[in-house]
Amino acid sequence: MSKFTGLFDGMAVVDIAESEGGYNYYGSVRSNGEWGIMRETTAGTEYRVVVGASGYAAGWTARASHTYTLPTIG
Protein backbone atom coordinates (compact mmCIF):
# COMPACT_ATOMS: atom_id res chain seq x y z
CA MET A 1 0.00 0.00 0.00
CA SER A 2 1.36 3.42 -0.88
CA LYS A 3 1.52 6.29 1.58
CA PHE A 4 -0.90 8.17 -0.68
CA THR A 5 -3.46 5.42 -0.31
CA GLY A 6 -2.88 5.37 3.46
CA LEU A 7 -3.41 9.12 3.61
CA PHE A 8 -7.06 8.73 2.69
CA ASP A 9 -7.77 5.29 4.20
CA GLY A 10 -10.82 5.39 6.43
CA MET A 11 -11.97 8.73 5.05
CA ALA A 12 -15.30 9.40 3.44
CA VAL A 13 -15.72 12.04 0.74
CA VAL A 14 -18.12 14.58 2.20
CA ASP A 15 -17.76 17.59 -0.11
CA ILE A 16 -17.05 18.18 -3.79
CA ALA A 17 -16.56 21.58 -5.40
CA GLU A 18 -16.06 21.63 -9.16
CA SER A 19 -14.62 24.25 -11.49
CA GLU A 20 -13.51 26.76 -8.89
CA GLY A 21 -10.67 28.84 -10.28
CA GLY A 22 -9.48 26.01 -12.53
CA TYR A 23 -9.64 23.32 -9.84
CA ASN A 24 -11.93 20.60 -8.52
CA TYR A 25 -11.76 19.91 -4.77
CA TYR A 26 -12.64 16.72 -2.90
CA GLY A 27 -12.97 16.93 0.88
CA SER A 28 -12.69 13.85 3.08
CA VAL A 29 -13.00 13.30 6.83
CA ARG A 30 -12.23 10.47 9.27
CA SER A 31 -14.41 9.77 12.29
CA ASN A 32 -11.62 11.07 14.58
CA GLY A 33 -11.73 14.52 12.91
CA GLU A 34 -8.66 14.19 10.68
CA TRP A 35 -9.32 15.51 7.21
CA GLY A 36 -7.84 15.85 3.75
CA ILE A 37 -8.62 17.82 0.63
CA MET A 38 -7.46 16.72 -2.78
CA ARG A 39 -7.19 19.42 -5.44
CA GLU A 40 -7.33 18.41 -9.09
CA THR A 41 -6.89 20.70 -12.07
CA THR A 42 -10.06 20.79 -14.13
CA ALA A 43 -7.99 19.29 -16.97
CA GLY A 44 -7.25 16.33 -14.68
CA THR A 45 -3.50 16.68 -15.15
CA GLU A 46 -2.33 17.61 -11.63
CA TYR A 47 -3.27 16.37 -8.16
CA ARG A 48 -2.18 17.88 -4.84
CA VAL A 49 -3.31 17.40 -1.23
CA VAL A 50 -3.57 19.18 2.09
CA VAL A 51 -4.32 17.46 5.42
CA GLY A 52 -5.41 18.60 8.84
CA ALA A 53 -5.88 17.12 12.29
CA SER A 54 -9.14 18.91 13.12
CA GLY A 55 -11.40 21.74 12.02
CA TYR A 56 -12.62 20.34 8.72
CA ALA A 57 -15.41 22.92 8.24
CA ALA A 58 -12.93 25.81 8.40
CA GLY A 59 -10.45 23.87 6.26
CA TRP A 60 -13.05 23.26 3.57
CA THR A 61 -14.18 26.88 3.59
CA ALA A 62 -10.56 28.00 3.10
CA ARG A 63 -9.81 25.34 0.44
CA ALA A 64 -8.64 27.81 -2.20
CA SER A 65 -6.07 29.42 0.13
CA HIS A 66 -4.30 26.28 1.41
CA THR A 67 -0.81 25.30 0.32
CA TYR A 68 -1.20 21.99 -1.51
CA THR A 69 1.66 19.54 -1.90
CA LEU A 70 2.43 16.40 -3.84
CA PRO A 71 1.28 13.30 -2.02
CA THR A 72 4.08 11.06 -0.81
CA ILE A 73 4.05 7.79 -2.73
CA GLY A 74 6.13 4.83 -1.77
PDB file of N, CA and C in Angstrom:
ATOM      1  N   MET A   1       0.843  -1.175   0.000  1.00  0.00           N
ATOM      2  CA  MET A   1       0.000   0.000   0.000  1.00  0.00           C
ATOM      3  C   MET A   1       0.886   1.234   0.000  1.00  0.00           C
ATOM      4  N   SER A   2       0.570   2.188  -0.831  1.00  0.00           N
ATOM      5  CA  SER A   2       1.362   3.416  -0.885  1.00  0.00           C
ATOM      6  C   SER A   2       0.969   4.351   0.251  1.00  0.00           C
ATOM      7  N   LYS A   3       1.835   5.293   0.570  1.00  0.00           N
ATOM      8  CA  LYS A   3       1.517   6.287   1.584  1.00  0.00           C
ATOM      9  C   LYS A   3       0.343   7.149   1.132  1.00  0.00           C
ATOM     10  N   PHE A   4       0.220   7.383  -0.172  1.00  0.00           N
ATOM     11  CA  PHE A   4      -0.897   8.171  -0.680  1.00  0.00           C
ATOM     12  C   PHE A   4      -2.205   7.469  -0.377  1.00  0.00           C
ATOM     13  N   THR A   5      -2.252   6.176  -0.611  1.00  0.00           N
ATOM     14  CA  THR A   5      -3.463   5.420  -0.309  1.00  0.00           C
ATOM     15  C   THR A   5      -3.743   5.489   1.182  1.00  0.00           C
ATOM     16  N   GLY A   6      -2.721   5.319   2.015  1.00  0.00           N
ATOM     17  CA  GLY A   6      -2.883   5.370   3.458  1.00  0.00           C
ATOM     18  C   GLY A   6      -3.370   6.719   3.943  1.00  0.00           C
ATOM     19  N   LEU A   7      -3.008   7.769   3.241  1.00  0.00           N
ATOM     20  CA  LEU A   7      -3.413   9.116   3.611  1.00  0.00           C
ATOM     21  C   LEU A   7      -4.925   9.247   3.671  1.00  0.00           C
ATOM     22  N   PHE A   8      -5.616   8.610   2.760  1.00  0.00           N
ATOM     23  CA  PHE A   8      -7.063   8.733   2.688  1.00  0.00           C
ATOM     24  C   PHE A   8      -7.803   7.484   3.153  1.00  0.00           C
ATOM     25  N   ASP A   9      -7.103   6.475   3.666  1.00  0.00           N
ATOM     26  CA  ASP A   9      -7.770   5.290   4.204  1.00  0.00           C
ATOM     27  C   ASP A   9      -8.701   5.690   5.344  1.00  0.00           C
ATOM     28  N   GLY A  10      -9.874   5.126   5.358  1.00  0.00           N
ATOM     29  CA  GLY A  10     -10.820   5.386   6.429  1.00  0.00           C
ATOM     30  C   GLY A  10     -11.523   6.730   6.326  1.00  0.00           C
ATOM     31  N   MET A  11     -11.304   7.438   5.236  1.00  0.00           N
ATOM     32  CA  MET A  11     -11.965   8.731   5.053  1.00  0.00           C
ATOM     33  C   MET A  11     -13.135   8.575   4.095  1.00  0.00           C
ATOM     34  N   ALA A  12     -14.146   9.362   4.334  1.00  0.00           N
ATOM     35  CA  ALA A  12     -15.302   9.403   3.441  1.00  0.00           C
ATOM     36  C   ALA A  12     -15.337  10.762   2.762  1.00  0.00           C
ATOM     37  N   VAL A  13     -15.574  10.776   1.455  1.00  0.00           N
ATOM     38  CA  VAL A  13     -15.721  12.042   0.736  1.00  0.00           C
ATOM     39  C   VAL A  13     -17.028  12.676   1.194  1.00  0.00           C
ATOM     40  N   VAL A  14     -16.931  13.900   1.687  1.00  0.00           N
ATOM     41  CA  VAL A  14     -18.119  14.578   2.199  1.00  0.00           C
ATOM     42  C   VAL A  14     -18.461  15.845   1.415  1.00  0.00           C
ATOM     43  N   ASP A  15     -17.510  16.386   0.674  1.00  0.00           N
ATOM     44  CA  ASP A  15     -17.764  17.591  -0.110  1.00  0.00           C
ATOM     45  C   ASP A  15     -17.026  17.522  -1.438  1.00  0.00           C
ATOM     46  N   ILE A  16     -17.664  18.041  -2.477  1.00  0.00           N
ATOM     47  CA  ILE A  16     -17.047  18.175  -3.789  1.00  0.00           C
ATOM     48  C   ILE A  16     -17.376  19.569  -4.302  1.00  0.00           C
ATOM     49  N   ALA A  17     -16.357  20.272  -4.776  1.00  0.00           N
ATOM     50  CA  ALA A  17     -16.559  21.582  -5.404  1.00  0.00           C
ATOM     51  C   ALA A  17     -15.860  21.520  -6.754  1.00  0.00           C
ATOM     52  N   GLU A  18     -16.605  21.761  -7.816  1.00  0.00           N
ATOM     53  CA  GLU A  18     -16.055  21.632  -9.160  1.00  0.00           C
ATOM     54  C   GLU A  18     -15.913  22.991  -9.838  1.00  0.00           C
ATOM     55  N   SER A  19     -14.873  23.082 -10.647  1.00  0.00           N
ATOM     56  CA  SER A  19     -14.623  24.251 -11.492  1.00  0.00           C
ATOM     57  C   SER A  19     -14.551  25.559 -10.706  1.00  0.00           C
ATOM     58  N   GLU A  20     -13.754  25.536  -9.661  1.00  0.00           N
ATOM     59  CA  GLU A  20     -13.505  26.756  -8.885  1.00  0.00           C
ATOM     60  C   GLU A  20     -12.097  27.241  -9.193  1.00  0.00           C
ATOM     61  N   GLY A  21     -11.982  28.271  -9.980  1.00  0.00           N
ATOM     62  CA  GLY A  21     -10.670  28.837 -10.282  1.00  0.00           C
ATOM     63  C   GLY A  21      -9.743  27.866 -10.986  1.00  0.00           C
ATOM     64  N   GLY A  22     -10.294  26.968 -11.794  1.00  0.00           N
ATOM     65  CA  GLY A  22      -9.485  26.007 -12.532  1.00  0.00           C
ATOM     66  C   GLY A  22      -9.227  24.702 -11.801  1.00  0.00           C
ATOM     67  N   TYR A  23      -9.865  24.526 -10.633  1.00  0.00           N
ATOM     68  CA  TYR A  23      -9.643  23.317  -9.840  1.00  0.00           C
ATOM     69  C   TYR A  23     -10.959  22.673  -9.439  1.00  0.00           C
ATOM     70  N   ASN A  24     -10.879  21.364  -9.188  1.00  0.00           N
ATOM     71  CA  ASN A  24     -11.928  20.598  -8.518  1.00  0.00           C
ATOM     72  C   ASN A  24     -11.361  20.211  -7.160  1.00  0.00           C
ATOM     73  N   TYR A  25     -12.185  20.245  -6.131  1.00  0.00           N
ATOM     74  CA  TYR A  25     -11.758  19.911  -4.772  1.00  0.00           C
ATOM     75  C   TYR A  25     -12.609  18.773  -4.236  1.00  0.00           C
ATOM     76  N   TYR A  26     -11.964  17.856  -3.501  1.00  0.00           N
ATOM     77  CA  TYR A  26     -12.642  16.715  -2.899  1.00  0.00           C
ATOM     78  C   TYR A  26     -12.262  16.668  -1.421  1.00  0.00           C
ATOM     79  N   GLY A  27     -13.224  16.910  -0.549  1.00  0.00           N
ATOM     80  CA  GLY A  27     -12.965  16.935   0.884  1.00  0.00           C
ATOM     81  C   GLY A  27     -13.355  15.634   1.538  1.00  0.00           C
ATOM     82  N   SER A  28     -12.469  15.126   2.394  1.00  0.00           N
ATOM     83  CA  SER A  28     -12.687  13.847   3.081  1.00  0.00           C
ATOM     84  C   SER A  28     -12.402  14.004   4.568  1.00  0.00           C
ATOM     85  N   VAL A  29     -13.140  13.219   5.374  1.00  0.00           N
ATOM     86  CA  VAL A  29     -13.001  13.297   6.825  1.00  0.00           C
ATOM     87  C   VAL A  29     -13.007  11.890   7.424  1.00  0.00           C
ATOM     88  N   ARG A  30     -12.195  11.703   8.471  1.00  0.00           N
ATOM     89  CA  ARG A  30     -12.231  10.472   9.270  1.00  0.00           C
ATOM     90  C   ARG A  30     -13.110  10.711  10.487  1.00  0.00           C
ATOM     91  N   SER A  31     -13.552   9.647  11.114  1.00  0.00           N
ATOM     92  CA  SER A  31     -14.413   9.766  12.294  1.00  0.00           C
ATOM     93  C   SER A  31     -13.702  10.449  13.467  1.00  0.00           C
ATOM     94  N   ASN A  32     -12.361  10.429  13.489  1.00  0.00           N
ATOM     95  CA  ASN A  32     -11.622  11.073  14.585  1.00  0.00           C
ATOM     96  C   ASN A  32     -11.358  12.557  14.319  1.00  0.00           C
ATOM     97  N   GLY A  33     -11.871  13.096  13.207  1.00  0.00           N
ATOM     98  CA  GLY A  33     -11.729  14.516  12.911  1.00  0.00           C
ATOM     99  C   GLY A  33     -10.618  14.866  11.944  1.00  0.00           C
ATOM    100  N   GLU A  34      -9.702  13.925  11.674  1.00  0.00           N
ATOM    101  CA  GLU A  34      -8.657  14.193  10.684  1.00  0.00           C
ATOM    102  C   GLU A  34      -9.310  14.379   9.324  1.00  0.00           C
ATOM    103  N   TRP A  35      -8.725  15.236   8.508  1.00  0.00           N
ATOM    104  CA  TRP A  35      -9.316  15.512   7.210  1.00  0.00           C
ATOM    105  C   TRP A  35      -8.253  15.694   6.147  1.00  0.00           C
ATOM    106  N   GLY A  36      -8.705  15.602   4.896  1.00  0.00           N
ATOM    107  CA  GLY A  36      -7.836  15.846   3.750  1.00  0.00           C
ATOM    108  C   GLY A  36      -8.649  16.433   2.617  1.00  0.00           C
ATOM    109  N   ILE A  37      -8.000  17.274   1.834  1.00  0.00           N
ATOM    110  CA  ILE A  37      -8.625  17.816   0.634  1.00  0.00           C
ATOM    111  C   ILE A  37      -7.689  17.535  -0.526  1.00  0.00           C
ATOM    112  N   MET A  38      -8.220  16.928  -1.563  1.00  0.00           N
ATOM    113  CA  MET A  38      -7.455  16.718  -2.782  1.00  0.00           C
ATOM    114  C   MET A  38      -7.900  17.771  -3.784  1.00  0.00           C
ATOM    115  N   ARG A  39      -6.913  18.415  -4.403  1.00  0.00           N
ATOM    116  CA  ARG A  39      -7.188  19.416  -5.437  1.00  0.00           C
ATOM    117  C   ARG A  39      -6.722  18.857  -6.768  1.00  0.00           C
ATOM    118  N   GLU A  40      -7.592  18.923  -7.744  1.00  0.00           N
ATOM    119  CA  GLU A  40      -7.325  18.413  -9.090  1.00  0.00           C
ATOM    120  C   GLU A  40      -7.526  19.563 -10.075  1.00  0.00           C
ATOM    121  N   THR A  41      -6.615  19.713 -11.033  1.00  0.00           N
ATOM    122  CA  THR A  41      -6.885  20.703 -12.072  1.00  0.00           C
ATOM    123  C   THR A  41      -8.097  20.238 -12.859  1.00  0.00           C
ATOM    124  N   THR A  42      -8.865  21.176 -13.385  1.00  0.00           N
ATOM    125  CA  THR A  42     -10.059  20.787 -14.134  1.00  0.00           C
ATOM    126  C   THR A  42      -9.704  19.985 -15.378  1.00  0.00           C
ATOM    127  N   ALA A  43      -8.459  20.108 -15.843  1.00  0.00           N
ATOM    128  CA  ALA A  43      -7.992  19.292 -16.970  1.00  0.00           C
ATOM    129  C   ALA A  43      -7.627  17.880 -16.523  1.00  0.00           C
ATOM    130  N   GLY A  44      -7.584  17.647 -15.212  1.00  0.00           N
ATOM    131  CA  GLY A  44      -7.245  16.329 -14.683  1.00  0.00           C
ATOM    132  C   GLY A  44      -5.786  15.956 -14.853  1.00  0.00           C
ATOM    133  N   THR A  45      -4.910  16.952 -14.892  1.00  0.00           N
ATOM    134  CA  THR A  45      -3.499  16.682 -15.150  1.00  0.00           C
ATOM    135  C   THR A  45      -2.609  16.870 -13.934  1.00  0.00           C
ATOM    136  N   GLU A  46      -3.143  17.362 -12.818  1.00  0.00           N
ATOM    137  CA  GLU A  46      -2.331  17.607 -11.625  1.00  0.00           C
ATOM    138  C   GLU A  46      -3.175  17.367 -10.385  1.00  0.00           C
ATOM    139  N   TYR A  47      -2.588  16.681  -9.411  1.00  0.00           N
ATOM    140  CA  TYR A  47      -3.265  16.375  -8.162  1.00  0.00           C
ATOM    141  C   TYR A  47      -2.355  16.759  -7.006  1.00  0.00           C
ATOM    142  N   ARG A  48      -2.914  17.476  -6.033  1.00  0.00           N
ATOM    143  CA  ARG A  48      -2.179  17.880  -4.839  1.00  0.00           C
ATOM    144  C   ARG A  48      -3.101  17.690  -3.643  1.00  0.00           C
ATOM    145  N   VAL A  49      -2.520  17.628  -2.436  1.00  0.00           N
ATOM    146  CA  VAL A  49      -3.307  17.396  -1.227  1.00  0.00           C
ATOM    147  C   VAL A  49      -2.910  18.351  -0.110  1.00  0.00           C
ATOM    148  N   VAL A  50      -3.823  18.511   0.820  1.00  0.00           N
ATOM    149  CA  VAL A  50      -3.572  19.179   2.088  1.00  0.00           C
ATOM    150  C   VAL A  50      -4.295  18.350   3.146  1.00  0.00           C
ATOM    151  N   VAL A  51      -3.708  18.239   4.339  1.00  0.00           N
ATOM    152  CA  VAL A  51      -4.324  17.457   5.416  1.00  0.00           C
ATOM    153  C   VAL A  51      -4.363  18.282   6.693  1.00  0.00           C
ATOM    154  N   GLY A  52      -5.291  17.934   7.559  1.00  0.00           N
ATOM    155  CA  GLY A  52      -5.410  18.600   8.843  1.00  0.00           C
ATOM    156  C   GLY A  52      -5.815  17.615   9.916  1.00  0.00           C
ATOM    157  N   ALA A  53      -5.567  17.992  11.164  1.00  0.00           N
ATOM    158  CA  ALA A  53      -5.878  17.123  12.291  1.00  0.00           C
ATOM    159  C   ALA A  53      -7.279  17.364  12.846  1.00  0.00           C
ATOM    160  N   SER A  54      -7.802  18.572  12.639  1.00  0.00           N
ATOM    161  CA  SER A  54      -9.138  18.911  13.123  1.00  0.00           C
ATOM    162  C   SER A  54      -9.619  20.160  12.390  1.00  0.00           C
ATOM    163  N   GLY A  55     -10.869  20.522  12.604  1.00  0.00           N
ATOM    164  CA  GLY A  55     -11.400  21.740  12.019  1.00  0.00           C
ATOM    165  C   GLY A  55     -11.718  21.648  10.540  1.00  0.00           C
ATOM    166  N   TYR A  56     -12.341  20.539  10.141  1.00  0.00           N
ATOM    167  CA  TYR A  56     -12.620  20.343   8.720  1.00  0.00           C
ATOM    168  C   TYR A  56     -13.467  21.465   8.126  1.00  0.00           C
ATOM    169  N   ALA A  57     -14.505  21.902   8.814  1.00  0.00           N
ATOM    170  CA  ALA A  57     -15.409  22.915   8.244  1.00  0.00           C
ATOM    171  C   ALA A  57     -14.628  24.168   7.847  1.00  0.00           C
ATOM    172  N   ALA A  58     -13.749  24.634   8.713  1.00  0.00           N
ATOM    173  CA  ALA A  58     -12.928  25.809   8.402  1.00  0.00           C
ATOM    174  C   ALA A  58     -11.942  25.493   7.286  1.00  0.00           C
ATOM    175  N   GLY A  59     -11.389  24.285   7.308  1.00  0.00           N
ATOM    176  CA  GLY A  59     -10.452  23.869   6.261  1.00  0.00           C
ATOM    177  C   GLY A  59     -11.114  23.832   4.899  1.00  0.00           C
ATOM    178  N   TRP A  60     -12.329  23.318   4.847  1.00  0.00           N
ATOM    179  CA  TRP A  60     -13.051  23.258   3.574  1.00  0.00           C
ATOM    180  C   TRP A  60     -13.394  24.656   3.081  1.00  0.00           C
ATOM    181  N   THR A  61     -13.843  25.508   3.977  1.00  0.00           N
ATOM    182  CA  THR A  61     -14.184  26.877   3.589  1.00  0.00           C
ATOM    183  C   THR A  61     -12.975  27.603   3.005  1.00  0.00           C
ATOM    184  N   ALA A  62     -11.789  27.334   3.546  1.00  0.00           N
ATOM    185  CA  ALA A  62     -10.556  27.999   3.103  1.00  0.00           C
ATOM    186  C   ALA A  62      -9.811  27.204   2.036  1.00  0.00           C
ATOM    187  N   ARG A  63     -10.478  26.268   1.370  1.00  0.00           N
ATOM    188  CA  ARG A  63      -9.809  25.342   0.444  1.00  0.00           C
ATOM    189  C   ARG A  63      -8.964  26.028  -0.623  1.00  0.00           C
ATOM    190  N   ALA A  64      -9.386  27.149  -1.124  1.00  0.00           N
ATOM    191  CA  ALA A  64      -8.642  27.811  -2.203  1.00  0.00           C
ATOM    192  C   ALA A  64      -7.353  28.466  -1.701  1.00  0.00           C
ATOM    193  N   SER A  65      -7.243  28.715  -0.394  1.00  0.00           N
ATOM    194  CA  SER A  65      -6.068  29.422   0.126  1.00  0.00           C
ATOM    195  C   SER A  65      -5.014  28.507   0.756  1.00  0.00           C
ATOM    196  N   HIS A  66      -5.284  27.210   0.836  1.00  0.00           N
ATOM    197  CA  HIS A  66      -4.305  26.276   1.415  1.00  0.00           C
ATOM    198  C   HIS A  66      -3.082  26.125   0.507  1.00  0.00           C
ATOM    199  N   THR A  67      -1.990  25.696   1.090  1.00  0.00           N
ATOM    200  CA  THR A  67      -0.810  25.301   0.322  1.00  0.00           C
ATOM    201  C   THR A  67      -0.895  23.802   0.090  1.00  0.00           C
ATOM    202  N   TYR A  68      -1.066  23.408  -1.146  1.00  0.00           N
ATOM    203  CA  TYR A  68      -1.204  21.992  -1.510  1.00  0.00           C
ATOM    204  C   TYR A  68       0.151  21.440  -1.928  1.00  0.00           C
ATOM    205  N   THR A  69       0.393  20.184  -1.577  1.00  0.00           N
ATOM    206  CA  THR A  69       1.664  19.537  -1.904  1.00  0.00           C
ATOM    207  C   THR A  69       1.433  18.216  -2.612  1.00  0.00           C
ATOM    208  N   LEU A  70       2.491  17.731  -3.218  1.00  0.00           N
ATOM    209  CA  LEU A  70       2.428  16.404  -3.839  1.00  0.00           C
ATOM    210  C   LEU A  70       2.239  15.366  -2.741  1.00  0.00           C
ATOM    211  N   PRO A  71       1.386  14.380  -2.986  1.00  0.00           N
ATOM    212  CA  PRO A  71       1.278  13.296  -2.017  1.00  0.00           C
ATOM    213  C   PRO A  71       2.549  12.465  -2.047  1.00  0.00           C
ATOM    214  N   THR A  72       2.915  11.932  -0.887  1.00  0.00           N
ATOM    215  CA  THR A  72       4.076  11.062  -0.810  1.00  0.00           C
ATOM    216  C   THR A  72       3.661   9.667  -1.250  1.00  0.00           C
ATOM    217  N   ILE A  73       4.348   9.137  -2.226  1.00  0.00           N
ATOM    218  CA  ILE A  73       4.047   7.787  -2.726  1.00  0.00           C
ATOM    219  C   ILE A  73       5.255   6.905  -2.484  1.00  0.00           C
ATOM    220  N   GLY A  74       5.018   5.749  -1.963  1.00  0.00           N
ATOM    221  CA  GLY A  74       6.129   4.826  -1.774  1.00  0.00           C
ATOM    222  C   GLY A  74       6.069   4.056  -0.508  1.00  0.00           C
TER     223      GLY A  74
END
